[in-house]
């Protein structure tokens, strides 16, 4: 009897102690910072870092991570520079970005503001000074790749960098260098060209398979909107890409701190370097602040590690020869002939390629189909928008040679008279290999 009572008393003491411990633990957990939980990576994505993003967060100059920096000496295939990195070592390695300036410029003068800003969002950033300030775009691409090699193999922060999650960015001739680096190194996870332009004017994106964002300025008189539209039209339809034009921006806009640019860059890098799909809503279907963007042409949805859906099933249809886009009339009137116009990313230039081989556009809530007028099959037939009806004259083939042909007629989508003018009409014509019959979708 006495032993049983003692046992019961001991059990009661143990229960009481456990209750106190549980209460204390609950208090400690309750006292944790509100942002503690989102820091954990998800089971399905070991690269996800930081709290759930908000517009206010990506607008801020300071992201969720503390940063530090270190200088880079010359002699590794480029002329030195700076490295910016998150100081946290508890979350594993980070994706990395190399940045190179434009022709005659210094990273320290023009892009250094980006380094700590991007690092605070969870990237290791290396800013590259070029061997000479007049290095070609091709040389700048080589220097970007050399910088990434240094960063991952010899830098003092190499143990913080994931060598399988690398990206490049450049401005002007440096932007062209970033595009060339992406074509040379398809293992890169992302590339960004800020007003990318080659001094010799021979840049093409035809072999680019790296997820690539091209950003231009509405008022850029050096790398003009029409030039960039033509360049972006060379991008393969299967490459995940995005083309944005910042309202009112000139050629040197990107050399000064601004969050308009960052609201595009951060989601792009997070999506493709960190596979973090929490950021894709800031890219699709529109950027967070559409009023600051004068033209936006995404390929939605974006899939980290994948390719553009269906070869790019929604986007602009670029008229390569005219450096413009196929445009439906803003009124959305069935029977109106389609034209070409300056690419603006608006609804009348956003086409969807359906599984039934139609090209549809949605205006004022009404979806219309690209249509060979009157089911015409002869050269000169007008191409119009019409209510979708499933007929063969509303089916189109997007061919690997850049032509778009009517499934019924076999004729090519053609800008009348090889015009490059705003509002030039589009018709069907015998395929002849002309630049006015070359199109790029997405």
Protein backbone atom coordinates (compact mmCIF):
# COMPACT_ATOMS: atom_id res chain seq x y z
CA UNK A 1 0.00 0.00 0.00
CA UNK A 2 2.81 2.43 0.94
CA UNK A 3 4.80 1.48 -2.20
CA UNK A 4 1.72 2.09 -4.40
CA UNK A 5 1.17 5.50 -2.84
CA UNK A 6 4.81 6.43 -3.38
CA UNK A 7 4.58 5.34 -7.00
CA UNK A 8 1.47 7.41 -7.54
CA UNK A 9 3.12 10.45 -5.92
CA UNK A 10 6.21 10.07 -8.17
CA UNK A 11 4.01 9.76 -11.25
CA UNK A 12 2.17 12.90 -10.25
CA UNK A 13 5.46 14.80 -9.88
CA UNK A 14 6.63 13.63 -13.31
CA UNK A 15 3.36 14.73 -14.91
CA UNK A 16 3.63 18.12 -13.23
CA UNK A 17 7.22 18.58 -14.41
CA UNK A 18 6.21 17.67 -17.97
CA UNK A 19 3.37 20.15 -17.84
CA UNK A 20 5.76 22.92 -16.76
CA UNK A 21 8.25 22.03 -19.48
CA UNK A 22 5.47 21.98 -22.08
CA UNK A 23 4.24 25.38 -20.92
CA UNK A 24 7.74 26.86 -21.05
CA UNK A 25 8.37 25.42 -24.51
CA UNK A 26 5.11 26.84 -25.78
CA UNK A 27 6.09 30.23 -24.42
CA UNK A 28 9.47 30.10 -26.12
CA UNK A 29 7.91 29.12 -29.45
CA UNK A 30 5.30 31.84 -29.15
CA UNK A 31 8.07 34.38 -28.56
CA UNK A 32 9.82 33.54 -31.84
CA UNK A 33 9.84 36.27 -34.52
CA UNK A 34 6.83 36.27 -36.85
CA UNK A 35 9.04 35.60 -39.88
CA UNK A 36 10.74 32.53 -38.39
CA UNK A 37 8.52 29.92 -39.97
CA UNK A 38 8.85 31.00 -43.64
CA UNK A 39 12.65 30.70 -43.48
CA UNK A 40 12.38 26.93 -43.64
CA UNK A 41 12.88 25.42 -47.06
CA UNK A 42 10.04 23.34 -48.42
CA UNK A 43 10.47 19.60 -48.70
CA UNK A 44 10.07 19.78 -52.46
CA UNK A 45 12.46 22.69 -53.10
CA UNK A 46 15.74 22.84 -51.15
CA UNK A 47 16.60 26.22 -52.75
CA UNK A 48 13.61 28.17 -51.51
CA UNK A 49 14.77 30.87 -49.14
CA UNK A 50 13.14 33.67 -47.21
CA UNK A 51 9.59 34.70 -46.31
CA UNK A 52 6.68 34.61 -48.70
CA UNK A 53 7.22 37.56 -51.06
CA UNK A 54 5.03 40.64 -51.23
CA UNK A 55 5.13 43.65 -53.51
CA UNK A 56 6.35 45.76 -50.61
CA UNK A 57 9.19 43.31 -50.00
CA UNK A 58 10.49 43.24 -53.57
CA UNK A 59 10.16 47.04 -53.78
CA UNK A 60 12.44 47.44 -50.79
CA UNK A 61 16.15 48.13 -51.23
CA UNK A 62 16.86 45.72 -48.38
CA UNK A 63 15.79 42.10 -48.67
CA UNK A 64 15.49 39.56 -45.84
CA UNK A 65 19.20 38.62 -45.67
CA UNK A 66 22.16 40.48 -44.16
CA UNK A 67 25.06 40.89 -46.60
CA UNK A 68 28.78 41.52 -46.80
CA UNK A 69 31.21 42.21 -49.62
CA UNK A 70 34.78 41.57 -50.65
CA UNK A 71 36.95 42.91 -53.45
CA UNK A 72 38.23 40.78 -56.33
CA UNK A 73 41.79 41.24 -57.66
CA UNK A 74 42.54 41.38 -61.37
CA UNK A 75 44.08 38.40 -63.11
CA UNK A 76 41.36 35.76 -63.47
CA UNK A 77 40.26 36.57 -67.00
CA UNK A 78 38.79 39.96 -66.07
CA UNK A 79 39.96 43.12 -64.37
CA UNK A 80 38.76 42.41 -60.85
CA UNK A 81 35.58 43.67 -59.23
CA UNK A 82 33.45 43.08 -56.15
CA UNK A 83 31.55 40.17 -54.62
CA UNK A 84 28.41 40.67 -52.53
CA UNK A 85 26.95 37.76 -50.59
CA UNK A 86 24.47 36.80 -47.85
CA UNK A 87 26.24 36.25 -44.54
CA UNK A 88 23.91 33.45 -43.44
CA UNK A 89 25.65 30.05 -43.68
CA UNK A 90 22.87 27.98 -42.11
CA UNK A 91 20.69 27.61 -45.23
CA UNK A 92 23.14 25.94 -47.60
CA UNK A 93 24.59 27.39 -50.77
CA UNK A 94 23.19 30.24 -52.87
CA UNK A 95 22.59 30.84 -56.54
CA UNK A 96 24.98 33.33 -58.16
CA UNK A 97 24.84 36.20 -60.65
CA UNK A 98 27.67 37.86 -62.60
CA UNK A 99 27.13 41.46 -63.77
CA UNK A 100 29.13 43.31 -66.44
CA UNK A 101 28.82 47.00 -67.42
CA UNK A 102 28.33 48.59 -70.82
CA UNK A 103 30.81 49.97 -73.32
CA UNK A 104 33.36 52.37 -71.75
CA UNK A 105 31.68 52.04 -68.33
CA UNK A 106 32.84 50.76 -64.95
CA UNK A 107 30.78 48.41 -62.78
CA UNK A 108 31.82 50.49 -59.77
CA UNK A 109 30.21 53.58 -61.31
CA UNK A 110 27.07 52.18 -62.87
CA UNK A 111 25.93 48.80 -61.52
CA UNK A 112 27.47 48.55 -58.04
CA UNK A 113 24.14 49.62 -56.51
CA UNK A 114 22.66 46.28 -57.61
CA UNK A 115 25.18 44.16 -55.69
CA UNK A 116 24.03 44.50 -52.07
CA UNK A 117 20.40 44.88 -53.14
CA UNK A 118 20.33 41.53 -54.95
CA UNK A 119 22.53 39.81 -52.37
CA UNK A 120 20.01 40.75 -49.67
CA UNK A 121 17.44 38.68 -51.56
CA UNK A 122 19.60 35.57 -51.41
CA UNK A 123 22.13 35.65 -54.27
CA UNK A 124 25.91 35.79 -54.44
CA UNK A 125 26.67 38.62 -56.87
CA UNK A 126 29.98 39.28 -58.60
CA UNK A 127 30.44 42.63 -60.30
CA UNK A 128 32.94 42.46 -63.16
CA UNK A 129 35.35 45.14 -64.29
CA UNK A 130 36.36 44.54 -67.91
CA UNK A 131 39.94 44.11 -69.11
CA UNK A 132 39.62 47.36 -71.05
CA UNK A 133 36.74 49.78 -71.04
CA UNK A 134 36.33 49.29 -74.79
CA UNK A 135 36.04 45.50 -74.68
CA UNK A 136 33.64 44.09 -77.27
CA UNK A 137 30.33 42.47 -76.39
CA UNK A 138 31.92 39.11 -77.17
CA UNK A 139 34.78 39.83 -74.74
CA UNK A 140 32.30 40.88 -72.07
CA UNK A 141 30.51 37.55 -72.44
CA UNK A 142 33.83 35.75 -71.97
CA UNK A 143 34.55 37.86 -68.88
CA UNK A 144 31.16 37.02 -67.36
CA UNK A 145 31.87 33.30 -67.66
CA UNK A 146 35.42 33.79 -66.32
CA UNK A 147 33.98 35.63 -63.31
CA UNK A 148 31.57 32.79 -62.57
CA UNK A 149 34.44 30.31 -62.82
CA UNK A 150 36.48 32.39 -60.36
CA UNK A 151 33.49 32.75 -58.05
CA UNK A 152 32.85 29.01 -57.85
CA UNK A 153 36.43 27.70 -57.80
CA UNK A 154 38.81 30.32 -56.33
CA UNK A 155 36.93 33.10 -54.57
CA UNK A 156 36.88 33.33 -50.77
CA UNK A 157 33.11 32.67 -50.86
CA UNK A 158 33.23 29.68 -53.21
CA UNK A 159 31.85 27.40 -50.48
CA UNK A 160 28.71 29.58 -50.36
CA UNK A 161 27.93 29.26 -54.09
CA UNK A 162 26.02 26.48 -55.81
CA UNK A 163 27.99 25.90 -59.06
CA UNK A 164 24.88 24.48 -60.69
CA UNK A 165 22.80 27.65 -60.19
CA UNK A 166 24.52 30.44 -62.09
CA UNK A 167 23.28 33.41 -64.11
CA UNK A 168 24.50 36.47 -66.02
CA UNK A 169 23.38 40.08 -66.45
CA UNK A 170 24.74 43.02 -68.39
CA UNK A 171 23.90 46.50 -69.60
CA UNK A 172 24.20 47.71 -73.21
CA UNK A 173 27.27 46.02 -74.73
CA UNK A 174 27.44 44.13 -71.45
CA UNK A 175 23.84 43.06 -72.02
CA UNK A 176 24.84 41.75 -75.43
CA UNK A 177 27.70 39.98 -73.66
CA UNK A 178 25.22 38.36 -71.28
CA UNK A 179 23.17 37.11 -74.24
CA UNK A 180 26.31 35.70 -75.89
CA UNK A 181 27.38 34.05 -72.63
CA UNK A 182 23.96 32.37 -72.39
CA UNK A 183 24.29 31.01 -75.91
CA UNK A 184 27.79 29.69 -75.16
CA UNK A 185 26.89 28.22 -71.80
CA UNK A 186 23.40 26.69 -71.95
CA UNK A 187 23.83 25.26 -68.45
CA UNK A 188 23.23 28.76 -67.05
CA UNK A 189 19.93 29.04 -65.22
CA UNK A 190 19.06 32.62 -66.19
CA UNK A 191 20.24 35.59 -68.24
CA UNK A 192 19.18 39.25 -68.24
CA UNK A 193 19.97 41.87 -70.86
CA UNK A 194 19.44 45.51 -69.90
CA UNK A 195 19.17 47.35 -73.22
CA UNK A 196 21.40 44.69 -74.80
CA UNK A 197 23.08 46.01 -77.94
CA UNK A 198 26.14 45.00 -79.90
CA UNK A 199 28.30 47.85 -81.27
CA UNK A 200 28.57 45.93 -84.55
CA UNK A 201 24.82 45.28 -84.66
CA UNK A 202 24.97 41.56 -85.39
CA UNK A 203 23.45 40.20 -82.17
CA UNK A 204 20.99 37.31 -82.43
CA UNK A 205 19.26 35.14 -79.83
CA UNK A 206 18.52 32.31 -82.25
CA UNK A 207 20.44 29.67 -80.26
CA UNK A 208 19.54 30.88 -76.76
CA UNK A 209 17.97 28.17 -74.60
CA UNK A 210 18.62 29.82 -71.21
CA UNK A 211 15.61 31.51 -69.55
CA UNK A 212 16.21 35.09 -70.67
CA UNK A 213 14.72 38.44 -69.71
CA UNK A 214 15.23 41.41 -72.03
CA UNK A 215 14.52 44.87 -70.60
CA UNK A 216 14.46 48.04 -72.66
CA UNK A 217 13.59 51.69 -72.19
CA UNK A 218 10.69 53.46 -73.86
CA UNK A 219 12.86 56.53 -74.55
CA UNK A 220 16.16 54.77 -75.26
CA UNK A 221 17.71 56.45 -78.31
CA UNK A 222 20.79 54.19 -78.28
CA UNK A 223 19.31 50.68 -78.08
CA UNK A 224 15.92 51.66 -79.43
CA UNK A 225 12.60 49.91 -78.78
CA UNK A 226 12.38 48.89 -82.45
CA UNK A 227 15.89 47.39 -82.33
CA UNK A 228 15.07 45.39 -79.20
CA UNK A 229 11.76 44.22 -80.66
CA UNK A 230 13.61 42.87 -83.68
CA UNK A 231 16.28 41.27 -81.47
CA UNK A 232 13.71 39.63 -79.21
CA UNK A 233 11.95 38.25 -82.29
CA UNK A 234 15.01 36.06 -82.91
CA UNK A 235 14.46 34.28 -79.58
CA UNK A 236 13.36 30.65 -80.08
CA UNK A 237 9.71 30.14 -79.19
CA UNK A 238 10.67 27.23 -76.94
CA UNK A 239 12.95 29.39 -74.75
CA UNK A 240 11.37 30.72 -71.59
CA UNK A 241 11.73 34.45 -71.96
CA UNK A 242 10.23 37.83 -71.15
CA UNK A 243 10.44 41.22 -72.86
CA UNK A 244 9.66 44.36 -70.87
CA UNK A 245 9.96 48.04 -71.67
CA UNK A 246 10.20 50.53 -68.79
CA UNK A 247 8.03 53.61 -69.26
CA UNK A 248 10.05 56.77 -69.82
CA UNK A 249 13.42 55.04 -69.37
CA UNK A 250 16.45 56.11 -71.40
CA UNK A 251 19.68 54.20 -72.06
CA UNK A 252 21.32 54.95 -68.71
CA UNK A 253 18.22 54.43 -66.57
CA UNK A 254 19.61 51.13 -65.25
CA UNK A 255 22.77 52.78 -63.91
CA UNK A 256 20.84 54.45 -61.07
CA UNK A 257 19.08 52.72 -58.16
CA UNK A 258 15.45 52.00 -58.96
CA UNK A 259 12.91 49.44 -57.84
CA UNK A 260 11.03 49.31 -61.14
CA UNK A 261 13.87 47.29 -62.64
CA UNK A 262 14.28 45.26 -59.45
CA UNK A 263 10.62 44.25 -59.43
CA UNK A 264 11.38 42.46 -62.69
CA UNK A 265 14.88 41.15 -61.91
CA UNK A 266 14.22 39.68 -58.47
CA UNK A 267 11.22 37.52 -59.50
CA UNK A 268 13.07 36.36 -62.64
CA UNK A 269 16.16 35.29 -60.70
CA UNK A 270 14.16 33.77 -57.87
CA UNK A 271 12.07 31.76 -60.31
CA UNK A 272 14.94 30.34 -62.34
CA UNK A 273 17.90 30.31 -59.92
CA UNK A 274 15.97 29.19 -56.85
CA UNK A 275 13.10 27.35 -58.58
CA UNK A 276 10.89 29.46 -56.35
CA UNK A 277 7.42 29.56 -57.88
CA UNK A 278 6.21 31.89 -55.13
CA UNK A 279 7.65 34.67 -57.33
CA UNK A 280 5.97 33.77 -60.63
CA UNK A 281 2.81 35.81 -59.83
CA UNK A 282 5.04 38.91 -60.06
CA UNK A 283 5.79 37.96 -63.69
CA UNK A 284 2.51 36.48 -64.90
CA UNK A 285 0.22 37.63 -66.25
CA UNK A 286 1.57 41.15 -65.61
CA UNK A 287 4.25 42.88 -63.54
CA UNK A 288 3.35 44.22 -60.07
CA UNK A 289 3.12 47.84 -61.25
CA UNK A 290 1.89 47.86 -64.86
CA UNK A 291 1.85 51.66 -64.92
CA UNK A 292 5.66 51.71 -64.84
CA UNK A 293 5.96 49.33 -67.79
CA UNK A 294 5.07 50.62 -71.26
CA UNK A 295 5.27 47.22 -72.95
CA UNK A 296 5.27 43.71 -71.51
CA UNK A 297 5.47 40.47 -73.47
CA UNK A 298 5.77 37.39 -71.22
CA UNK A 299 5.60 33.70 -72.06
CA UNK A 300 3.36 32.42 -69.30
CA UNK A 301 3.38 30.23 -67.34
CA UNK A 302 7.03 30.05 -66.27
CA UNK A 303 8.29 26.64 -65.22
CA UNK A 304 11.69 26.46 -63.50
CA UNK A 305 13.82 23.86 -65.24
CA UNK A 306 11.29 23.52 -68.06
CA UNK A 307 10.62 25.15 -71.42
CA UNK A 308 8.00 27.51 -72.72
CA UNK A 309 4.64 25.71 -72.79
CA UNK A 310 3.73 24.37 -76.20
CA UNK A 311 6.61 26.27 -77.72
CA UNK A 312 5.27 29.42 -76.10
CA UNK A 313 1.48 29.22 -76.24
CA UNK A 314 0.70 32.81 -75.28
CA UNK A 315 2.49 35.95 -76.34
CA UNK A 316 3.12 38.37 -79.15
CA UNK A 317 3.52 37.33 -82.78
CA UNK A 318 6.53 39.36 -83.87
CA UNK A 319 6.83 40.49 -87.49
CA UNK A 320 10.60 39.97 -87.81
CA UNK A 321 11.16 42.04 -90.96
CA UNK A 322 9.30 45.06 -89.60
CA UNK A 323 10.33 44.75 -85.94
CA UNK A 324 6.67 45.11 -84.98
CA UNK A 325 3.89 42.86 -83.69
CA UNK A 326 0.71 41.41 -85.17
CA UNK A 327 -2.15 43.54 -83.87
CA UNK A 328 -5.90 43.00 -83.77
CA UNK A 329 -8.07 46.12 -83.98
CA UNK A 330 -8.64 47.62 -80.55
CA UNK A 331 -12.38 47.69 -81.17
CA UNK A 332 -12.45 43.91 -81.41
CA UNK A 333 -14.86 44.11 -84.33
CA UNK A 334 -15.24 40.75 -86.11
CA UNK A 335 -14.24 41.10 -89.74
CA UNK A 336 -11.60 43.79 -89.17
CA UNK A 337 -8.25 43.17 -90.86
CA UNK A 338 -5.23 42.62 -88.64
CA UNK A 339 -2.19 44.88 -88.98
CA UNK A 340 1.30 45.28 -87.55
CA UNK A 341 2.13 47.83 -84.86
CA UNK A 342 4.79 48.83 -82.38
CA UNK A 343 4.97 46.04 -79.82
CA UNK A 344 3.19 47.20 -76.68
CA UNK A 345 2.19 44.02 -74.85
CA UNK A 346 -1.47 45.04 -74.85
CA UNK A 347 -4.40 42.69 -75.28
CA UNK A 348 -4.67 43.24 -79.03
CA UNK A 349 -1.15 41.89 -79.47
CA UNK A 350 -1.43 38.95 -77.08
CA UNK A 351 -2.17 35.79 -79.04
CA UNK A 352 -2.84 32.29 -77.75
CA UNK A 353 -2.01 29.22 -79.78
CA UNK A 354 -4.66 26.65 -78.97
CA UNK A 355 -4.50 22.86 -79.18
CA UNK A 356 -6.82 23.18 -82.21
CA UNK A 357 -4.11 25.19 -84.05
CA UNK A 358 -6.04 28.44 -83.73
CA UNK A 359 -4.50 31.80 -82.89
CA UNK A 360 -6.89 33.63 -80.59
CA UNK A 361 -6.98 37.12 -79.13
CA UNK A 362 -9.24 38.39 -76.34
CA UNK A 363 -10.58 41.94 -76.57
CA UNK A 364 -13.06 43.46 -74.14
CA UNK A 365 -13.83 39.98 -72.81
CA UNK A 366 -14.52 38.49 -76.27
CA UNK A 367 -12.21 35.86 -77.75
CA UNK A 368 -11.75 36.01 -81.53
CA UNK A 369 -9.78 33.85 -83.95
CA UNK A 370 -7.26 34.79 -86.63
CA UNK A 371 -9.18 34.03 -89.83
CA UNK A 372 -8.59 33.90 -93.59
CA UNK A 373 -11.40 36.16 -94.79
CA UNK A 374 -14.24 34.35 -96.54
CA UNK A 375 -12.28 31.08 -96.32
CA UNK A 376 -10.12 32.49 -99.08
CA UNK A 377 -7.26 30.41 -100.47
CA UNK A 378 -5.78 32.85 -102.99
CA UNK A 379 -2.89 35.34 -102.60
CA UNK A 380 -4.18 38.67 -101.34
CA UNK A 381 -6.84 37.20 -99.05
CA UNK A 382 -7.22 39.50 -96.07
CA UNK A 383 -6.38 38.11 -92.65
CA UNK A 384 -8.99 39.21 -90.12
CA UNK A 385 -10.31 38.39 -86.67
CA UNK A 386 -13.60 36.51 -86.53
CA UNK A 387 -15.73 34.58 -84.09
CA UNK A 388 -14.08 31.20 -83.53
CA UNK A 389 -15.92 28.47 -85.42
CA UNK A 390 -13.45 25.57 -85.75
CA UNK A 391 -13.15 25.91 -89.54
CA UNK A 392 -9.89 25.15 -91.39
CA UNK A 393 -9.45 28.81 -92.38
CA UNK A 394 -8.89 29.53 -88.69
CA UNK A 395 -6.10 26.97 -88.29
CA UNK A 396 -2.46 27.99 -88.60
CA UNK A 397 0.90 26.24 -88.75
CA UNK A 398 3.85 27.87 -86.98
CA UNK A 399 6.78 26.53 -88.94
CA UNK A 400 10.43 26.10 -87.94
CA UNK A 401 11.55 28.41 -90.78
CA UNK A 402 9.68 31.30 -89.16
CA UNK A 403 6.67 31.30 -91.48
CA UNK A 404 3.06 31.04 -90.39
CA UNK A 405 0.92 29.25 -92.97
CA UNK A 406 -2.82 28.74 -93.27
CA UNK A 407 -3.74 25.09 -92.76
CA UNK A 408 -6.41 25.36 -95.46
CA UNK A 409 -4.59 27.43 -98.07
CA UNK A 410 -0.91 26.66 -97.45
CA UNK A 411 -0.25 30.38 -98.03
CA UNK A 412 2.00 32.49 -95.80
CA UNK A 413 1.00 35.19 -93.35
CA UNK A 414 2.42 38.24 -95.12
CA UNK A 415 2.85 41.94 -94.32
CA UNK A 416 1.46 43.57 -97.44
CA UNK A 417 4.07 45.01 -99.77
CA UNK A 418 6.90 44.25 -97.32
CA UNK A 419 5.86 47.37 -95.45
CA UNK A 420 7.41 48.22 -92.11
CA UNK A 421 4.98 51.05 -91.39
CA UNK A 422 2.74 51.32 -88.37
CA UNK A 423 -0.67 49.87 -89.21
CA UNK A 424 0.46 48.01 -92.35
CA UNK A 425 -2.17 45.36 -93.22
CA UNK A 426 -1.57 41.62 -93.13
CA UNK A 427 -2.78 39.17 -95.77
CA UNK A 428 -2.12 35.72 -97.22
CA UNK A 429 0.47 35.44 -99.97
CA UNK A 430 2.48 32.79 -101.77
CA UNK A 431 5.44 31.83 -99.59
CA UNK A 432 8.59 33.41 -101.02
CA UNK A 433 11.13 33.53 -98.18
CA UNK A 434 10.78 37.28 -97.72
CA UNK A 435 11.47 38.88 -94.34
CA UNK A 436 7.88 40.16 -94.35
CA UNK A 437 6.78 36.53 -94.04
CA UNK A 438 8.97 35.73 -91.02
CA UNK A 439 7.34 35.63 -87.61
CA UNK A 440 8.43 34.78 -84.08
CA UNK A 441 5.93 33.72 -81.47
CA UNK A 442 6.24 34.54 -77.80
